[in-house]
Amino acid sequence: MTTTIALAGKGGVGKTTVAGMMIKYLAQNQSGSVLAIDADPSSNLNMVLGLELGWTIGEIREDMLAQVKQSLTATGAAMGALSGGVSKREYLDYNVRSSLAEGDRF
């Protein structure tokens, strides 16, 4: 059975700290593994969990936007095209998968 837990609230109220404690608790006390996604623009859940990150989802999004704008300016192509014939979906899929960091059961 899959369970989804989301944390939201004002900045500085401890969402990342609570998320880190919940992830560590679940990883230690539940069977299976935990998928944790830090969608905060100021992401630092990796630091709470002791993981190194290559880059964040926000950085991937910004890089893709810059590439689309560059392609639009250079070629006059429709908004949404990337250079080299790569679709936005392929670009995101590859980079999101390459940005994953793994810990013990999370």
N, C-alpha and C. Protein backbone atom coordinates (compact mmCIF):
# COMPACT_ATOMS: atom_id res chain seq x y z
N MET A 1 0.84 -1.17 0.00
CA MET A 1 0.00 0.00 0.00
C MET A 1 0.89 1.24 0.00
N THR A 2 0.56 2.20 -0.83
CA THR A 2 1.31 3.44 -0.92
C THR A 2 0.60 4.54 -0.15
N THR A 3 1.36 5.32 0.57
CA THR A 3 0.83 6.47 1.30
C THR A 3 1.58 7.70 0.85
N THR A 4 0.86 8.78 0.62
CA THR A 4 1.47 10.06 0.24
C THR A 4 1.29 11.03 1.39
N ILE A 5 2.38 11.67 1.78
CA ILE A 5 2.36 12.67 2.84
C ILE A 5 2.95 13.94 2.25
N ALA A 6 2.24 15.05 2.40
CA ALA A 6 2.74 16.34 1.92
C ALA A 6 2.78 17.32 3.09
N LEU A 7 3.81 18.13 3.12
CA LEU A 7 3.94 19.16 4.15
C LEU A 7 3.91 20.52 3.48
N ALA A 8 3.14 21.43 4.03
CA ALA A 8 3.04 22.78 3.48
C ALA A 8 2.91 23.76 4.63
N GLY A 9 3.26 24.99 4.37
CA GLY A 9 3.13 26.02 5.39
C GLY A 9 4.05 27.18 5.09
N LYS A 10 4.02 28.17 5.95
CA LYS A 10 4.85 29.35 5.78
C LYS A 10 6.32 28.99 5.92
N GLY A 11 7.17 29.83 5.38
CA GLY A 11 8.61 29.61 5.48
C GLY A 11 9.11 29.71 6.91
N GLY A 12 10.06 28.84 7.24
CA GLY A 12 10.69 28.91 8.54
C GLY A 12 9.93 28.26 9.68
N VAL A 13 8.91 27.46 9.37
CA VAL A 13 8.13 26.85 10.45
C VAL A 13 8.58 25.43 10.78
N GLY A 14 9.55 24.88 10.03
CA GLY A 14 10.09 23.57 10.34
C GLY A 14 9.65 22.44 9.45
N LYS A 15 9.12 22.75 8.26
CA LYS A 15 8.66 21.69 7.35
C LYS A 15 9.78 20.73 7.00
N THR A 16 10.95 21.24 6.67
CA THR A 16 12.07 20.39 6.28
C THR A 16 12.53 19.53 7.45
N THR A 17 12.58 20.10 8.63
CA THR A 17 12.98 19.34 9.82
C THR A 17 12.00 18.21 10.10
N VAL A 18 10.71 18.52 10.04
CA VAL A 18 9.68 17.49 10.28
C VAL A 18 9.77 16.42 9.19
N ALA A 19 9.93 16.84 7.94
CA ALA A 19 10.03 15.88 6.83
C ALA A 19 11.22 14.95 7.04
N GLY A 20 12.35 15.51 7.42
CA GLY A 20 13.54 14.70 7.65
C GLY A 20 13.33 13.68 8.76
N MET A 21 12.69 14.10 9.84
CA MET A 21 12.43 13.17 10.95
C MET A 21 11.44 12.08 10.53
N MET A 22 10.42 12.46 9.76
CA MET A 22 9.44 11.47 9.28
C MET A 22 10.09 10.47 8.35
N ILE A 23 10.92 10.94 7.44
CA ILE A 23 11.59 10.04 6.48
C ILE A 23 12.49 9.06 7.22
N LYS A 24 13.28 9.56 8.15
CA LYS A 24 14.16 8.68 8.91
C LYS A 24 13.36 7.67 9.74
N TYR A 25 12.27 8.12 10.35
CA TYR A 25 11.43 7.20 11.13
C TYR A 25 10.84 6.11 10.24
N LEU A 26 10.25 6.51 9.12
CA LEU A 26 9.64 5.53 8.21
C LEU A 26 10.67 4.57 7.65
N ALA A 27 11.84 5.07 7.29
CA ALA A 27 12.89 4.20 6.74
C ALA A 27 13.34 3.17 7.76
N GLN A 28 13.35 3.54 9.03
CA GLN A 28 13.81 2.62 10.08
C GLN A 28 12.72 1.67 10.56
N ASN A 29 11.45 2.08 10.48
CA ASN A 29 10.38 1.34 11.13
C ASN A 29 9.34 0.73 10.20
N GLN A 30 9.41 0.97 8.92
CA GLN A 30 8.43 0.44 7.98
C GLN A 30 9.14 -0.41 6.93
N SER A 31 8.42 -1.36 6.38
CA SER A 31 9.01 -2.16 5.30
C SER A 31 8.99 -1.36 4.01
N GLY A 32 9.84 -1.73 3.08
CA GLY A 32 9.93 -1.02 1.81
C GLY A 32 10.82 0.21 1.92
N SER A 33 10.76 1.01 0.90
CA SER A 33 11.59 2.22 0.89
C SER A 33 10.72 3.46 0.80
N VAL A 34 11.30 4.61 1.04
CA VAL A 34 10.60 5.89 1.07
C VAL A 34 11.12 6.75 -0.07
N LEU A 35 10.20 7.30 -0.86
CA LEU A 35 10.56 8.27 -1.89
C LEU A 35 10.26 9.65 -1.33
N ALA A 36 11.28 10.46 -1.17
CA ALA A 36 11.12 11.81 -0.63
C ALA A 36 11.42 12.82 -1.74
N ILE A 37 10.51 13.74 -1.96
CA ILE A 37 10.68 14.76 -2.98
C ILE A 37 10.65 16.12 -2.31
N ASP A 38 11.71 16.89 -2.48
CA ASP A 38 11.76 18.24 -1.93
C ASP A 38 11.42 19.20 -3.05
N ALA A 39 10.19 19.71 -3.05
CA ALA A 39 9.74 20.61 -4.10
C ALA A 39 9.86 22.08 -3.68
N ASP A 40 10.51 22.32 -2.57
CA ASP A 40 10.71 23.69 -2.09
C ASP A 40 11.74 24.39 -2.98
N PRO A 41 11.46 25.63 -3.42
CA PRO A 41 12.46 26.35 -4.23
C PRO A 41 13.79 26.51 -3.49
N SER A 42 13.72 26.56 -2.17
CA SER A 42 14.92 26.65 -1.34
C SER A 42 15.19 25.28 -0.75
N SER A 43 15.37 24.30 -1.62
CA SER A 43 15.46 22.92 -1.17
C SER A 43 16.75 22.63 -0.40
N ASN A 44 16.58 21.99 0.74
CA ASN A 44 17.74 21.55 1.52
C ASN A 44 17.44 20.29 2.32
N LEU A 45 16.40 19.55 1.91
CA LEU A 45 16.09 18.28 2.57
C LEU A 45 17.28 17.33 2.48
N ASN A 46 18.02 17.41 1.39
CA ASN A 46 19.19 16.54 1.24
C ASN A 46 20.19 16.74 2.38
N MET A 47 20.35 17.97 2.83
CA MET A 47 21.29 18.24 3.92
C MET A 47 20.79 17.62 5.23
N VAL A 48 19.48 17.69 5.48
CA VAL A 48 18.90 17.10 6.68
C VAL A 48 19.11 15.59 6.67
N LEU A 49 19.02 14.99 5.46
CA LEU A 49 19.17 13.54 5.32
C LEU A 49 20.62 13.11 5.11
N GLY A 50 21.54 14.06 5.00
CA GLY A 50 22.95 13.74 4.83
C GLY A 50 23.30 13.24 3.43
N LEU A 51 22.63 13.77 2.40
CA LEU A 51 22.87 13.35 1.02
C LEU A 51 23.46 14.48 0.19
N GLU A 52 24.32 14.11 -0.75
CA GLU A 52 24.86 15.08 -1.70
C GLU A 52 23.95 15.12 -2.93
N LEU A 53 23.70 16.31 -3.47
CA LEU A 53 22.90 16.45 -4.68
C LEU A 53 23.73 17.04 -5.80
N GLY A 54 23.53 16.50 -7.02
CA GLY A 54 24.16 17.08 -8.19
C GLY A 54 23.48 18.38 -8.57
N TRP A 55 22.15 18.32 -8.63
CA TRP A 55 21.36 19.53 -8.86
C TRP A 55 19.92 19.27 -8.47
N THR A 56 19.16 20.34 -8.37
CA THR A 56 17.79 20.24 -7.87
C THR A 56 16.78 20.32 -9.00
N ILE A 57 15.54 19.98 -8.70
CA ILE A 57 14.46 20.07 -9.68
C ILE A 57 14.32 21.53 -10.15
N GLY A 58 14.44 22.47 -9.23
CA GLY A 58 14.36 23.88 -9.60
C GLY A 58 15.45 24.27 -10.59
N GLU A 59 16.65 23.78 -10.37
CA GLU A 59 17.76 24.06 -11.30
C GLU A 59 17.53 23.41 -12.66
N ILE A 60 16.96 22.22 -12.66
CA ILE A 60 16.65 21.54 -13.92
C ILE A 60 15.62 22.36 -14.70
N ARG A 61 14.59 22.82 -14.00
CA ARG A 61 13.55 23.64 -14.64
C ARG A 61 14.13 24.92 -15.22
N GLU A 62 14.96 25.61 -14.46
CA GLU A 62 15.56 26.85 -14.93
C GLU A 62 16.46 26.61 -16.14
N ASP A 63 17.23 25.51 -16.12
CA ASP A 63 18.11 25.18 -17.24
C ASP A 63 17.29 24.88 -18.49
N MET A 64 16.20 24.14 -18.32
CA MET A 64 15.36 23.82 -19.48
C MET A 64 14.73 25.09 -20.04
N LEU A 65 14.25 25.97 -19.20
CA LEU A 65 13.66 27.23 -19.65
C LEU A 65 14.68 28.05 -20.43
N ALA A 66 15.92 28.11 -19.94
CA ALA A 66 16.97 28.85 -20.65
C ALA A 66 17.23 28.23 -22.01
N GLN A 67 17.25 26.91 -22.09
CA GLN A 67 17.48 26.24 -23.38
C GLN A 67 16.34 26.51 -24.36
N VAL A 68 15.11 26.48 -23.87
CA VAL A 68 13.96 26.75 -24.74
C VAL A 68 14.02 28.17 -25.26
N LYS A 69 14.33 29.12 -24.38
CA LYS A 69 14.44 30.53 -24.80
C LYS A 69 15.56 30.71 -25.81
N GLN A 70 16.70 30.04 -25.58
CA GLN A 70 17.82 30.14 -26.51
C GLN A 70 17.44 29.55 -27.87
N SER A 71 16.78 28.43 -27.86
CA SER A 71 16.35 27.78 -29.10
C SER A 71 15.35 28.66 -29.84
N LEU A 72 14.46 29.30 -29.11
CA LEU A 72 13.46 30.19 -29.70
C LEU A 72 14.13 31.38 -30.36
N THR A 73 15.12 31.95 -29.69
CA THR A 73 15.83 33.11 -30.22
C THR A 73 16.70 32.73 -31.42
N ALA A 74 17.39 31.61 -31.32
CA ALA A 74 18.33 31.20 -32.36
C ALA A 74 17.63 30.71 -33.62
N THR A 75 16.56 29.98 -33.47
CA THR A 75 15.96 29.34 -34.64
C THR A 75 14.57 29.84 -34.96
N GLY A 76 13.96 30.57 -34.05
CA GLY A 76 12.59 30.98 -34.26
C GLY A 76 11.62 29.82 -34.12
N ALA A 77 12.09 28.71 -33.53
CA ALA A 77 11.26 27.52 -33.36
C ALA A 77 10.15 27.80 -32.36
N ALA A 78 9.16 26.98 -32.40
CA ALA A 78 8.04 27.13 -31.49
C ALA A 78 8.50 26.94 -30.04
N MET A 79 7.87 27.68 -29.14
CA MET A 79 8.18 27.54 -27.72
C MET A 79 7.92 26.10 -27.31
N GLY A 80 8.89 25.46 -26.74
CA GLY A 80 8.73 24.08 -26.33
C GLY A 80 9.75 23.17 -26.98
N ALA A 81 10.43 23.67 -28.01
CA ALA A 81 11.44 22.85 -28.68
C ALA A 81 12.79 23.03 -27.99
N LEU A 82 13.56 21.95 -27.95
CA LEU A 82 14.92 22.01 -27.43
C LEU A 82 15.87 21.68 -28.57
N SER A 83 17.08 22.16 -28.47
CA SER A 83 18.06 21.87 -29.52
C SER A 83 18.43 20.39 -29.52
N GLY A 84 18.85 19.90 -30.64
CA GLY A 84 19.29 18.51 -30.75
C GLY A 84 18.16 17.51 -30.89
N GLY A 85 16.96 17.99 -31.09
CA GLY A 85 15.83 17.08 -31.28
C GLY A 85 15.34 16.39 -30.03
N VAL A 86 15.73 16.88 -28.86
CA VAL A 86 15.30 16.29 -27.59
C VAL A 86 13.99 16.96 -27.17
N SER A 87 13.00 16.15 -26.83
CA SER A 87 11.74 16.72 -26.35
C SER A 87 11.90 17.18 -24.91
N LYS A 88 11.03 18.08 -24.50
CA LYS A 88 11.07 18.53 -23.10
C LYS A 88 10.84 17.35 -22.16
N ARG A 89 9.95 16.46 -22.52
CA ARG A 89 9.66 15.30 -21.67
C ARG A 89 10.90 14.42 -21.51
N GLU A 90 11.60 14.15 -22.61
CA GLU A 90 12.83 13.34 -22.53
C GLU A 90 13.89 14.03 -21.70
N TYR A 91 14.04 15.33 -21.90
CA TYR A 91 15.02 16.12 -21.15
C TYR A 91 14.73 16.04 -19.65
N LEU A 92 13.46 16.29 -19.28
CA LEU A 92 13.09 16.25 -17.87
C LEU A 92 13.26 14.86 -17.28
N ASP A 93 12.80 13.84 -18.01
CA ASP A 93 12.91 12.47 -17.52
C ASP A 93 14.36 12.10 -17.23
N TYR A 94 15.24 12.38 -18.17
CA TYR A 94 16.65 12.04 -17.99
C TYR A 94 17.25 12.80 -16.80
N ASN A 95 17.03 14.11 -16.75
CA ASN A 95 17.67 14.92 -15.72
C ASN A 95 17.08 14.70 -14.33
N VAL A 96 15.79 14.46 -14.24
CA VAL A 96 15.21 14.16 -12.93
C VAL A 96 15.77 12.84 -12.41
N ARG A 97 15.85 11.84 -13.29
CA ARG A 97 16.41 10.55 -12.86
C ARG A 97 17.87 10.68 -12.47
N SER A 98 18.62 11.52 -13.18
CA SER A 98 20.04 11.68 -12.85
C SER A 98 20.26 12.52 -11.60
N SER A 99 19.24 13.24 -11.15
CA SER A 99 19.39 14.07 -9.97
C SER A 99 19.03 13.36 -8.67
N LEU A 100 18.56 12.12 -8.78
CA LEU A 100 18.18 11.37 -7.57
C LEU A 100 19.39 11.06 -6.69
N ALA A 101 19.17 11.14 -5.39
CA ALA A 101 20.19 10.75 -4.43
C ALA A 101 19.58 9.68 -3.54
N GLU A 102 20.36 8.65 -3.21
CA GLU A 102 19.83 7.55 -2.42
C GLU A 102 20.53 7.43 -1.08
N GLY A 103 19.72 7.17 -0.08
CA GLY A 103 20.23 6.88 1.25
C GLY A 103 19.86 5.45 1.60
N ASP A 104 19.93 5.12 2.88
CA ASP A 104 19.56 3.77 3.33
C ASP A 104 18.05 3.67 3.43
N ARG A 105 17.42 3.02 2.42
CA ARG A 105 15.98 2.82 2.32
C ARG A 105 15.19 4.07 2.02
N PHE A 106 15.86 5.13 1.59
CA PHE A 106 15.15 6.33 1.11
C PHE A 106 15.95 6.96 0.00
